[in-house]
Amino acid sequence: SCAASGGTFSTYTMAWFRQAAGKERE
Protein backbone atom coordinates (compact mmCIF):
# COMPACT_ATOMS: atom_id res chain seq x y z
CA SER A 1 0.00 0.00 0.00
CA CYS A 2 1.06 3.60 -0.63
CA ALA A 3 -0.80 6.33 1.24
CA ALA A 4 -0.54 9.87 -0.15
CA SER A 5 -1.07 13.21 1.58
CA GLY A 6 -0.54 16.90 0.79
CA GLY A 7 -1.83 16.90 -2.80
CA THR A 8 -4.75 16.12 -5.08
CA PHE A 9 -4.38 12.36 -5.37
CA SER A 10 -6.91 11.87 -8.15
CA THR A 11 -4.82 13.96 -10.59
CA TYR A 12 -1.61 11.96 -10.16
CA THR A 13 -0.16 9.14 -12.16
CA MET A 14 0.96 6.63 -9.51
CA ALA A 15 3.73 4.10 -10.00
CA TRP A 16 5.76 1.39 -8.30
CA PHE A 17 9.50 0.94 -8.76
CA ARG A 18 11.88 -1.51 -7.09
CA GLN A 19 15.59 -1.72 -6.38
CA ALA A 20 17.43 -4.91 -5.52
CA ALA A 21 20.69 -4.81 -3.57
CA GLY A 22 23.54 -3.69 -5.80
CA LYS A 23 21.28 -3.01 -8.79
CA GLU A 24 19.65 0.04 -10.38
CA ARG A 25 16.09 1.06 -9.68
CA GLU A 26 13.67 -0.51 -12.15
mmCIF file of all heavy atoms, coordinates in Angstrom:
data_MODEL
# 
_entry.id   MODEL 
# 
loop_
_atom_site.group_PDB 
_atom_site.id 
_atom_site.type_symbol 
_atom_site.label_atom_id 
_atom_site.label_alt_id 
_atom_site.label_comp_id 
_atom_site.label_asym_id 
_atom_site.label_entity_id 
_atom_site.label_seq_id 
_atom_site.pdbx_PDB_ins_code 
_atom_site.Cartn_x 
_atom_site.Cartn_y 
_atom_site.Cartn_z 
_atom_site.occupancy 
_atom_site.B_iso_or_equiv 
_atom_site.pdbx_formal_charge 
_atom_site.auth_seq_id 
_atom_site.auth_comp_id 
_atom_site.auth_asym_id 
_atom_site.auth_atom_id 
_atom_site.pdbx_PDB_model_num 
ATOM 1   N N   . SER A 1 1  ? 0.833  -1.187 0.000   1.00 0.00 ? 1  SER A N   1 
ATOM 2   C CA  . SER A 1 1  ? 0.000  0.000  0.000   1.00 0.00 ? 1  SER A CA  1 
ATOM 3   C C   . SER A 1 1  ? 0.872  1.242  0.000   1.00 0.00 ? 1  SER A C   1 
ATOM 4   O O   . SER A 1 1  ? 1.963  1.244  0.557   1.00 0.00 ? 1  SER A O   1 
ATOM 5   C CB  . SER A 1 1  ? -0.913 0.031  1.230   1.00 0.00 ? 1  SER A CB  1 
ATOM 6   O OG  . SER A 1 1  ? -1.788 -1.073 1.252   1.00 0.00 ? 1  SER A OG  1 
ATOM 7   N N   . CYS A 1 2  ? 0.377  2.305  -0.622  1.00 0.00 ? 2  CYS A N   1 
ATOM 8   C CA  . CYS A 1 2  ? 1.056  3.596  -0.629  1.00 0.00 ? 2  CYS A CA  1 
ATOM 9   C C   . CYS A 1 2  ? 0.024  4.665  -0.335  1.00 0.00 ? 2  CYS A C   1 
ATOM 10  O O   . CYS A 1 2  ? -0.860 4.918  -1.161  1.00 0.00 ? 2  CYS A O   1 
ATOM 11  C CB  . CYS A 1 2  ? 1.731  3.847  -1.979  1.00 0.00 ? 2  CYS A CB  1 
ATOM 12  S SG  . CYS A 1 2  ? 2.444  5.497  -2.151  1.00 0.00 ? 2  CYS A SG  1 
ATOM 13  N N   . ALA A 1 3  ? 0.120  5.279  0.829   1.00 0.00 ? 3  ALA A N   1 
ATOM 14  C CA  . ALA A 1 3  ? -0.802 6.328  1.239   1.00 0.00 ? 3  ALA A CA  1 
ATOM 15  C C   . ALA A 1 3  ? -0.212 7.696  0.929   1.00 0.00 ? 3  ALA A C   1 
ATOM 16  O O   . ALA A 1 3  ? 0.927  7.980  1.294   1.00 0.00 ? 3  ALA A O   1 
ATOM 17  C CB  . ALA A 1 3  ? -1.107 6.209  2.728   1.00 0.00 ? 3  ALA A CB  1 
ATOM 18  N N   . ALA A 1 4  ? -0.995 8.546  0.262   1.00 0.00 ? 4  ALA A N   1 
ATOM 19  C CA  . ALA A 1 4  ? -0.545 9.870  -0.147  1.00 0.00 ? 4  ALA A CA  1 
ATOM 20  C C   . ALA A 1 4  ? -1.232 10.952 0.667   1.00 0.00 ? 4  ALA A C   1 
ATOM 21  O O   . ALA A 1 4  ? -2.393 10.820 1.054   1.00 0.00 ? 4  ALA A O   1 
ATOM 22  C CB  . ALA A 1 4  ? -0.817 10.092 -1.635  1.00 0.00 ? 4  ALA A CB  1 
ATOM 23  N N   . SER A 1 5  ? -0.506 12.052 0.898   1.00 0.00 ? 5  SER A N   1 
ATOM 24  C CA  . SER A 1 5  ? -1.071 13.210 1.576   1.00 0.00 ? 5  SER A CA  1 
ATOM 25  C C   . SER A 1 5  ? -0.418 14.477 1.040   1.00 0.00 ? 5  SER A C   1 
ATOM 26  O O   . SER A 1 5  ? 0.689  14.430 0.491   1.00 0.00 ? 5  SER A O   1 
ATOM 27  C CB  . SER A 1 5  ? -0.878 13.121 3.091   1.00 0.00 ? 5  SER A CB  1 
ATOM 28  O OG  . SER A 1 5  ? 0.498  13.106 3.431   1.00 0.00 ? 5  SER A OG  1 
ATOM 29  N N   . GLY A 1 6  ? -1.109 15.617 1.173   1.00 0.00 ? 6  GLY A N   1 
ATOM 30  C CA  . GLY A 1 6  ? -0.543 16.896 0.790   1.00 0.00 ? 6  GLY A CA  1 
ATOM 31  C C   . GLY A 1 6  ? -0.774 17.322 -0.650  1.00 0.00 ? 6  GLY A C   1 
ATOM 32  O O   . GLY A 1 6  ? -0.245 18.341 -1.076  1.00 0.00 ? 6  GLY A O   1 
ATOM 33  N N   . GLY A 1 7  ? -1.555 16.569 -1.419  1.00 0.00 ? 7  GLY A N   1 
ATOM 34  C CA  . GLY A 1 7  ? -1.833 16.897 -2.802  1.00 0.00 ? 7  GLY A CA  1 
ATOM 35  C C   . GLY A 1 7  ? -3.203 16.403 -3.236  1.00 0.00 ? 7  GLY A C   1 
ATOM 36  O O   . GLY A 1 7  ? -3.959 15.864 -2.434  1.00 0.00 ? 7  GLY A O   1 
ATOM 37  N N   . THR A 1 8  ? -3.501 16.600 -4.508  1.00 0.00 ? 8  THR A N   1 
ATOM 38  C CA  . THR A 1 8  ? -4.752 16.118 -5.081  1.00 0.00 ? 8  THR A CA  1 
ATOM 39  C C   . THR A 1 8  ? -4.493 14.767 -5.720  1.00 0.00 ? 8  THR A C   1 
ATOM 40  O O   . THR A 1 8  ? -4.073 14.668 -6.875  1.00 0.00 ? 8  THR A O   1 
ATOM 41  C CB  . THR A 1 8  ? -5.307 17.114 -6.103  1.00 0.00 ? 8  THR A CB  1 
ATOM 42  O OG1 . THR A 1 8  ? -5.432 18.405 -5.499  1.00 0.00 ? 8  THR A OG1 1 
ATOM 43  C CG2 . THR A 1 8  ? -6.678 16.655 -6.586  1.00 0.00 ? 8  THR A CG2 1 
ATOM 44  N N   . PHE A 1 9  ? -4.762 13.711 -4.969  1.00 0.00 ? 9  PHE A N   1 
ATOM 45  C CA  . PHE A 1 9  ? -4.380 12.361 -5.366  1.00 0.00 ? 9  PHE A CA  1 
ATOM 46  C C   . PHE A 1 9  ? -4.978 11.946 -6.702  1.00 0.00 ? 9  PHE A C   1 
ATOM 47  O O   . PHE A 1 9  ? -4.323 11.282 -7.511  1.00 0.00 ? 9  PHE A O   1 
ATOM 48  C CB  . PHE A 1 9  ? -4.791 11.375 -4.269  1.00 0.00 ? 9  PHE A CB  1 
ATOM 49  C CG  . PHE A 1 9  ? -4.454 9.951  -4.563  1.00 0.00 ? 9  PHE A CG  1 
ATOM 50  C CD1 . PHE A 1 9  ? -3.175 9.469  -4.354  1.00 0.00 ? 9  PHE A CD1 1 
ATOM 51  C CD2 . PHE A 1 9  ? -5.422 9.080  -5.038  1.00 0.00 ? 9  PHE A CD2 1 
ATOM 52  C CE1 . PHE A 1 9  ? -2.856 8.147  -4.613  1.00 0.00 ? 9  PHE A CE1 1 
ATOM 53  C CE2 . PHE A 1 9  ? -5.118 7.752  -5.304  1.00 0.00 ? 9  PHE A CE2 1 
ATOM 54  C CZ  . PHE A 1 9  ? -3.828 7.290  -5.086  1.00 0.00 ? 9  PHE A CZ  1 
ATOM 55  N N   . SER A 1 10 ? -6.217 12.331 -6.958  1.00 0.00 ? 10 SER A N   1 
ATOM 56  C CA  . SER A 1 10 ? -6.912 11.866 -8.152  1.00 0.00 ? 10 SER A CA  1 
ATOM 57  C C   . SER A 1 10 ? -6.306 12.390 -9.450  1.00 0.00 ? 10 SER A C   1 
ATOM 58  O O   . SER A 1 10 ? -6.611 11.859 -10.522 1.00 0.00 ? 10 SER A O   1 
ATOM 59  C CB  . SER A 1 10 ? -8.397 12.245 -8.089  1.00 0.00 ? 10 SER A CB  1 
ATOM 60  O OG  . SER A 1 10 ? -8.565 13.652 -8.045  1.00 0.00 ? 10 SER A OG  1 
ATOM 61  N N   . THR A 1 11 ? -5.448 13.405 -9.396  1.00 0.00 ? 11 THR A N   1 
ATOM 62  C CA  . THR A 1 11 ? -4.823 13.964 -10.593 1.00 0.00 ? 11 THR A CA  1 
ATOM 63  C C   . THR A 1 11 ? -3.448 13.371 -10.880 1.00 0.00 ? 11 THR A C   1 
ATOM 64  O O   . THR A 1 11 ? -2.835 13.710 -11.892 1.00 0.00 ? 11 THR A O   1 
ATOM 65  C CB  . THR A 1 11 ? -4.670 15.489 -10.490 1.00 0.00 ? 11 THR A CB  1 
ATOM 66  O OG1 . THR A 1 11 ? -3.710 15.815 -9.474  1.00 0.00 ? 11 THR A OG1 1 
ATOM 67  C CG2 . THR A 1 11 ? -6.007 16.140 -10.159 1.00 0.00 ? 11 THR A CG2 1 
ATOM 68  N N   . TYR A 1 12 ? -2.952 12.500 -10.014 1.00 0.00 ? 12 TYR A N   1 
ATOM 69  C CA  . TYR A 1 12 ? -1.605 11.957 -10.161 1.00 0.00 ? 12 TYR A CA  1 
ATOM 70  C C   . TYR A 1 12 ? -1.585 10.641 -10.918 1.00 0.00 ? 12 TYR A C   1 
ATOM 71  O O   . TYR A 1 12 ? -2.461 9.791  -10.750 1.00 0.00 ? 12 TYR A O   1 
ATOM 72  C CB  . TYR A 1 12 ? -0.966 11.689 -8.793  1.00 0.00 ? 12 TYR A CB  1 
ATOM 73  C CG  . TYR A 1 12 ? -0.733 12.906 -7.941  1.00 0.00 ? 12 TYR A CG  1 
ATOM 74  C CD1 . TYR A 1 12 ? -0.810 12.806 -6.547  1.00 0.00 ? 12 TYR A CD1 1 
ATOM 75  C CD2 . TYR A 1 12 ? -0.425 14.135 -8.496  1.00 0.00 ? 12 TYR A CD2 1 
ATOM 76  C CE1 . TYR A 1 12 ? -0.586 13.909 -5.746  1.00 0.00 ? 12 TYR A CE1 1 
ATOM 77  C CE2 . TYR A 1 12 ? -0.209 15.241 -7.703  1.00 0.00 ? 12 TYR A CE2 1 
ATOM 78  C CZ  . TYR A 1 12 ? -0.288 15.123 -6.326  1.00 0.00 ? 12 TYR A CZ  1 
ATOM 79  O OH  . TYR A 1 12 ? -0.068 16.220 -5.535  1.00 0.00 ? 12 TYR A OH  1 
ATOM 80  N N   . THR A 1 13 ? -0.555 10.475 -11.749 1.00 0.00 ? 13 THR A N   1 
ATOM 81  C CA  . THR A 1 13 ? -0.159 9.140  -12.156 1.00 0.00 ? 13 THR A CA  1 
ATOM 82  C C   . THR A 1 13 ? 0.637  8.532  -11.004 1.00 0.00 ? 13 THR A C   1 
ATOM 83  O O   . THR A 1 13 ? 1.533  9.170  -10.459 1.00 0.00 ? 13 THR A O   1 
ATOM 84  C CB  . THR A 1 13 ? 0.701  9.181  -13.427 1.00 0.00 ? 13 THR A CB  1 
ATOM 85  O OG1 . THR A 1 13 ? -0.104 9.593  -14.526 1.00 0.00 ? 13 THR A OG1 1 
ATOM 86  C CG2 . THR A 1 13 ? 1.295  7.810  -13.731 1.00 0.00 ? 13 THR A CG2 1 
ATOM 87  N N   . MET A 1 14 ? 0.296  7.310  -10.619 1.00 0.00 ? 14 MET A N   1 
ATOM 88  C CA  . MET A 1 14 ? 0.957  6.630  -9.512  1.00 0.00 ? 14 MET A CA  1 
ATOM 89  C C   . MET A 1 14 ? 1.707  5.419  -10.044 1.00 0.00 ? 14 MET A C   1 
ATOM 90  O O   . MET A 1 14 ? 1.211  4.707  -10.916 1.00 0.00 ? 14 MET A O   1 
ATOM 91  C CB  . MET A 1 14 ? -0.062 6.184  -8.468  1.00 0.00 ? 14 MET A CB  1 
ATOM 92  C CG  . MET A 1 14 ? -0.915 7.307  -7.900  1.00 0.00 ? 14 MET A CG  1 
ATOM 93  S SD  . MET A 1 14 ? 0.052  8.494  -6.923  1.00 0.00 ? 14 MET A SD  1 
ATOM 94  C CE  . MET A 1 14 ? 0.644  7.434  -5.597  1.00 0.00 ? 14 MET A CE  1 
ATOM 95  N N   . ALA A 1 15 ? 2.891  5.172  -9.492  1.00 0.00 ? 15 ALA A N   1 
ATOM 96  C CA  . ALA A 1 15 ? 3.732  4.102  -9.997  1.00 0.00 ? 15 ALA A CA  1 
ATOM 97  C C   . ALA A 1 15 ? 4.455  3.384  -8.872  1.00 0.00 ? 15 ALA A C   1 
ATOM 98  O O   . ALA A 1 15 ? 4.607  3.911  -7.767  1.00 0.00 ? 15 ALA A O   1 
ATOM 99  C CB  . ALA A 1 15 ? 4.751  4.647  -10.998 1.00 0.00 ? 15 ALA A CB  1 
ATOM 100 N N   . TRP A 1 16 ? 4.893  2.171  -9.183  1.00 0.00 ? 16 TRP A N   1 
ATOM 101 C CA  . TRP A 1 16 ? 5.759  1.391  -8.304  1.00 0.00 ? 16 TRP A CA  1 
ATOM 102 C C   . TRP A 1 16 ? 7.069  1.102  -9.022  1.00 0.00 ? 16 TRP A C   1 
ATOM 103 O O   . TRP A 1 16 ? 7.068  0.701  -10.192 1.00 0.00 ? 16 TRP A O   1 
ATOM 104 C CB  . TRP A 1 16 ? 5.112  0.071  -7.884  1.00 0.00 ? 16 TRP A CB  1 
ATOM 105 C CG  . TRP A 1 16 ? 3.967  0.220  -6.938  1.00 0.00 ? 16 TRP A CG  1 
ATOM 106 C CD1 . TRP A 1 16 ? 2.652  0.281  -7.245  1.00 0.00 ? 16 TRP A CD1 1 
ATOM 107 C CD2 . TRP A 1 16 ? 4.057  0.308  -5.512  1.00 0.00 ? 16 TRP A CD2 1 
ATOM 108 N NE1 . TRP A 1 16 ? 1.901  0.405  -6.111  1.00 0.00 ? 16 TRP A NE1 1 
ATOM 109 C CE2 . TRP A 1 16 ? 2.731  0.431  -5.028  1.00 0.00 ? 16 TRP A CE2 1 
ATOM 110 C CE3 . TRP A 1 16 ? 5.107  0.300  -4.601  1.00 0.00 ? 16 TRP A CE3 1 
ATOM 111 C CZ2 . TRP A 1 16 ? 2.442  0.540  -3.666  1.00 0.00 ? 16 TRP A CZ2 1 
ATOM 112 C CZ3 . TRP A 1 16 ? 4.817  0.416  -3.250  1.00 0.00 ? 16 TRP A CZ3 1 
ATOM 113 C CH2 . TRP A 1 16 ? 3.506  0.530  -2.797  1.00 0.00 ? 16 TRP A CH2 1 
ATOM 114 N N   . PHE A 1 17 ? 8.173  1.316  -8.322  1.00 0.00 ? 17 PHE A N   1 
ATOM 115 C CA  . PHE A 1 17 ? 9.503  0.938  -8.761  1.00 0.00 ? 17 PHE A CA  1 
ATOM 116 C C   . PHE A 1 17 ? 10.113 0.021  -7.707  1.00 0.00 ? 17 PHE A C   1 
ATOM 117 O O   . PHE A 1 17 ? 9.624  -0.056 -6.577  1.00 0.00 ? 17 PHE A O   1 
ATOM 118 C CB  . PHE A 1 17 ? 10.396 2.169  -8.957  1.00 0.00 ? 17 PHE A CB  1 
ATOM 119 C CG  . PHE A 1 17 ? 9.973  3.066  -10.089 1.00 0.00 ? 17 PHE A CG  1 
ATOM 120 C CD1 . PHE A 1 17 ? 8.940  3.969  -9.930  1.00 0.00 ? 17 PHE A CD1 1 
ATOM 121 C CD2 . PHE A 1 17 ? 10.619 2.999  -11.316 1.00 0.00 ? 17 PHE A CD2 1 
ATOM 122 C CE1 . PHE A 1 17 ? 8.544  4.796  -10.965 1.00 0.00 ? 17 PHE A CE1 1 
ATOM 123 C CE2 . PHE A 1 17 ? 10.235 3.826  -12.365 1.00 0.00 ? 17 PHE A CE2 1 
ATOM 124 C CZ  . PHE A 1 17 ? 9.196  4.722  -12.186 1.00 0.00 ? 17 PHE A CZ  1 
ATOM 125 N N   . ARG A 1 18 ? 11.185 -0.674 -8.068  1.00 0.00 ? 18 ARG A N   1 
ATOM 126 C CA  . ARG A 1 18 ? 11.879 -1.507 -7.093  1.00 0.00 ? 18 ARG A CA  1 
ATOM 127 C C   . ARG A 1 18 ? 13.380 -1.460 -7.343  1.00 0.00 ? 18 ARG A C   1 
ATOM 128 O O   . ARG A 1 18 ? 13.833 -1.196 -8.454  1.00 0.00 ? 18 ARG A O   1 
ATOM 129 C CB  . ARG A 1 18 ? 11.380 -2.954 -7.129  1.00 0.00 ? 18 ARG A CB  1 
ATOM 130 C CG  . ARG A 1 18 ? 11.696 -3.713 -8.409  1.00 0.00 ? 18 ARG A CG  1 
ATOM 131 C CD  . ARG A 1 18 ? 11.015 -5.072 -8.401  1.00 0.00 ? 18 ARG A CD  1 
ATOM 132 N NE  . ARG A 1 18 ? 11.343 -5.866 -9.573  1.00 0.00 ? 18 ARG A NE  1 
ATOM 133 C CZ  . ARG A 1 18 ? 10.800 -7.039 -9.857  1.00 0.00 ? 18 ARG A CZ  1 
ATOM 134 N NH1 . ARG A 1 18 ? 9.880  -7.567 -9.045  1.00 0.00 ? 18 ARG A NH1 1 
ATOM 135 N NH2 . ARG A 1 18 ? 11.168 -7.694 -10.951 1.00 0.00 ? 18 ARG A NH2 1 
ATOM 136 N N   . GLN A 1 19 ? 14.142 -1.723 -6.288  1.00 0.00 ? 19 GLN A N   1 
ATOM 137 C CA  . GLN A 1 19 ? 15.592 -1.717 -6.379  1.00 0.00 ? 19 GLN A CA  1 
ATOM 138 C C   . GLN A 1 19 ? 16.150 -2.850 -5.539  1.00 0.00 ? 19 GLN A C   1 
ATOM 139 O O   . GLN A 1 19 ? 16.016 -2.847 -4.311  1.00 0.00 ? 19 GLN A O   1 
ATOM 140 C CB  . GLN A 1 19 ? 16.173 -0.379 -5.921  1.00 0.00 ? 19 GLN A CB  1 
ATOM 141 C CG  . GLN A 1 19 ? 17.667 -0.252 -6.137  1.00 0.00 ? 19 GLN A CG  1 
ATOM 142 C CD  . GLN A 1 19 ? 18.158 1.173  -5.958  1.00 0.00 ? 19 GLN A CD  1 
ATOM 143 O OE1 . GLN A 1 19 ? 17.490 1.992  -5.336  1.00 0.00 ? 19 GLN A OE1 1 
ATOM 144 N NE2 . GLN A 1 19 ? 19.313 1.471  -6.506  1.00 0.00 ? 19 GLN A NE2 1 
ATOM 145 N N   . ALA A 1 20 ? 16.770 -3.813 -6.206  1.00 0.00 ? 20 ALA A N   1 
ATOM 146 C CA  . ALA A 1 20 ? 17.434 -4.908 -5.524  1.00 0.00 ? 20 ALA A CA  1 
ATOM 147 C C   . ALA A 1 20 ? 18.824 -4.470 -5.088  1.00 0.00 ? 20 ALA A C   1 
ATOM 148 O O   . ALA A 1 20 ? 19.402 -3.539 -5.647  1.00 0.00 ? 20 ALA A O   1 
ATOM 149 C CB  . ALA A 1 20 ? 17.526 -6.129 -6.433  1.00 0.00 ? 20 ALA A CB  1 
ATOM 150 N N   . ALA A 1 21 ? 19.369 -5.149 -4.087  1.00 0.00 ? 21 ALA A N   1 
ATOM 151 C CA  . ALA A 1 21 ? 20.689 -4.807 -3.567  1.00 0.00 ? 21 ALA A CA  1 
ATOM 152 C C   . ALA A 1 21 ? 21.734 -4.850 -4.670  1.00 0.00 ? 21 ALA A C   1 
ATOM 153 O O   . ALA A 1 21 ? 21.841 -5.840 -5.392  1.00 0.00 ? 21 ALA A O   1 
ATOM 154 C CB  . ALA A 1 21 ? 21.065 -5.758 -2.442  1.00 0.00 ? 21 ALA A CB  1 
ATOM 155 N N   . GLY A 1 22 ? 22.482 -3.762 -4.811  1.00 0.00 ? 22 GLY A N   1 
ATOM 156 C CA  . GLY A 1 22 ? 23.544 -3.691 -5.797  1.00 0.00 ? 22 GLY A CA  1 
ATOM 157 C C   . GLY A 1 22 ? 23.094 -3.450 -7.221  1.00 0.00 ? 22 GLY A C   1 
ATOM 158 O O   . GLY A 1 22 ? 23.921 -3.477 -8.132  1.00 0.00 ? 22 GLY A O   1 
ATOM 159 N N   . LYS A 1 23 ? 21.803 -3.212 -7.442  1.00 0.00 ? 23 LYS A N   1 
ATOM 160 C CA  . LYS A 1 23 ? 21.277 -3.006 -8.787  1.00 0.00 ? 23 LYS A CA  1 
ATOM 161 C C   . LYS A 1 23 ? 20.585 -1.645 -8.896  1.00 0.00 ? 23 LYS A C   1 
ATOM 162 O O   . LYS A 1 23 ? 20.292 -0.998 -7.897  1.00 0.00 ? 23 LYS A O   1 
ATOM 163 C CB  . LYS A 1 23 ? 20.298 -4.118 -9.163  1.00 0.00 ? 23 LYS A CB  1 
ATOM 164 C CG  . LYS A 1 23 ? 20.922 -5.498 -9.218  1.00 0.00 ? 23 LYS A CG  1 
ATOM 165 C CD  . LYS A 1 23 ? 19.922 -6.540 -9.690  1.00 0.00 ? 23 LYS A CD  1 
ATOM 166 C CE  . LYS A 1 23 ? 20.555 -7.911 -9.797  1.00 0.00 ? 23 LYS A CE  1 
ATOM 167 N NZ  . LYS A 1 23 ? 19.588 -8.935 -10.267 1.00 0.00 ? 23 LYS A NZ  1 
ATOM 168 N N   . GLU A 1 24 ? 20.334 -1.227 -10.143 1.00 0.00 ? 24 GLU A N   1 
ATOM 169 C CA  . GLU A 1 24 ? 19.652 0.037  -10.385 1.00 0.00 ? 24 GLU A CA  1 
ATOM 170 C C   . GLU A 1 24 ? 18.160 -0.093 -10.139 1.00 0.00 ? 24 GLU A C   1 
ATOM 171 O O   . GLU A 1 24 ? 17.585 -1.181 -10.208 1.00 0.00 ? 24 GLU A O   1 
ATOM 172 C CB  . GLU A 1 24 ? 19.903 0.507  -11.822 1.00 0.00 ? 24 GLU A CB  1 
ATOM 173 C CG  . GLU A 1 24 ? 21.347 0.847  -12.128 1.00 0.00 ? 24 GLU A CG  1 
ATOM 174 C CD  . GLU A 1 24 ? 21.526 1.385  -13.531 1.00 0.00 ? 24 GLU A CD  1 
ATOM 175 O OE1 . GLU A 1 24 ? 20.561 1.342  -14.319 1.00 0.00 ? 24 GLU A OE1 1 
ATOM 176 O OE2 . GLU A 1 24 ? 22.630 1.861  -13.837 1.00 0.00 ? 24 GLU A OE2 1 
ATOM 177 N N   . ARG A 1 25 ? 17.529 1.041  -9.854  1.00 0.00 ? 25 ARG A N   1 
ATOM 178 C CA  . ARG A 1 25 ? 16.094 1.060  -9.676  1.00 0.00 ? 25 ARG A CA  1 
ATOM 179 C C   . ARG A 1 25 ? 15.401 0.739  -10.994 1.00 0.00 ? 25 ARG A C   1 
ATOM 180 O O   . ARG A 1 25 ? 15.772 1.255  -12.047 1.00 0.00 ? 25 ARG A O   1 
ATOM 181 C CB  . ARG A 1 25 ? 15.658 2.430  -9.157  1.00 0.00 ? 25 ARG A CB  1 
ATOM 182 C CG  . ARG A 1 25 ? 14.203 2.519  -8.746  1.00 0.00 ? 25 ARG A CG  1 
ATOM 183 C CD  . ARG A 1 25 ? 13.944 3.791  -7.950  1.00 0.00 ? 25 ARG A CD  1 
ATOM 184 N NE  . ARG A 1 25 ? 14.749 3.835  -6.733  1.00 0.00 ? 25 ARG A NE  1 
ATOM 185 C CZ  . ARG A 1 25 ? 14.652 4.783  -5.809  1.00 0.00 ? 25 ARG A CZ  1 
ATOM 186 N NH1 . ARG A 1 25 ? 13.783 5.765  -5.958  1.00 0.00 ? 25 ARG A NH1 1 
ATOM 187 N NH2 . ARG A 1 25 ? 15.441 4.740  -4.735  1.00 0.00 ? 25 ARG A NH2 1 
ATOM 188 N N   . GLU A 1 26 ? 14.374 -0.117 -10.942 1.00 0.00 ? 26 GLU A N   1 
ATOM 189 C CA  . GLU A 1 26 ? 13.672 -0.509 -12.146 1.00 0.00 ? 26 GLU A CA  1 
ATOM 190 C C   . GLU A 1 26 ? 12.168 -0.305 -12.004 1.00 0.00 ? 26 GLU A C   1 
ATOM 191 O O   . GLU A 1 26 ? 11.595 -0.392 -10.917 1.00 0.00 ? 26 GLU A O   1 
ATOM 192 C CB  . GLU A 1 26 ? 13.970 -1.968 -12.510 1.00 0.00 ? 26 GLU A CB  1 
ATOM 193 C CG  . GLU A 1 26 ? 13.433 -2.989 -11.530 1.00 0.00 ? 26 GLU A CG  1 
ATOM 194 C CD  . GLU A 1 26 ? 13.632 -4.419 -11.996 1.00 0.00 ? 26 GLU A CD  1 
ATOM 195 O OE1 . GLU A 1 26 ? 13.993 -4.630 -13.169 1.00 0.00 ? 26 GLU A OE1 1 
ATOM 196 O OE2 . GLU A 1 26 ? 13.427 -5.337 -11.171 1.00 0.00 ? 26 GLU A OE2 1 
# 
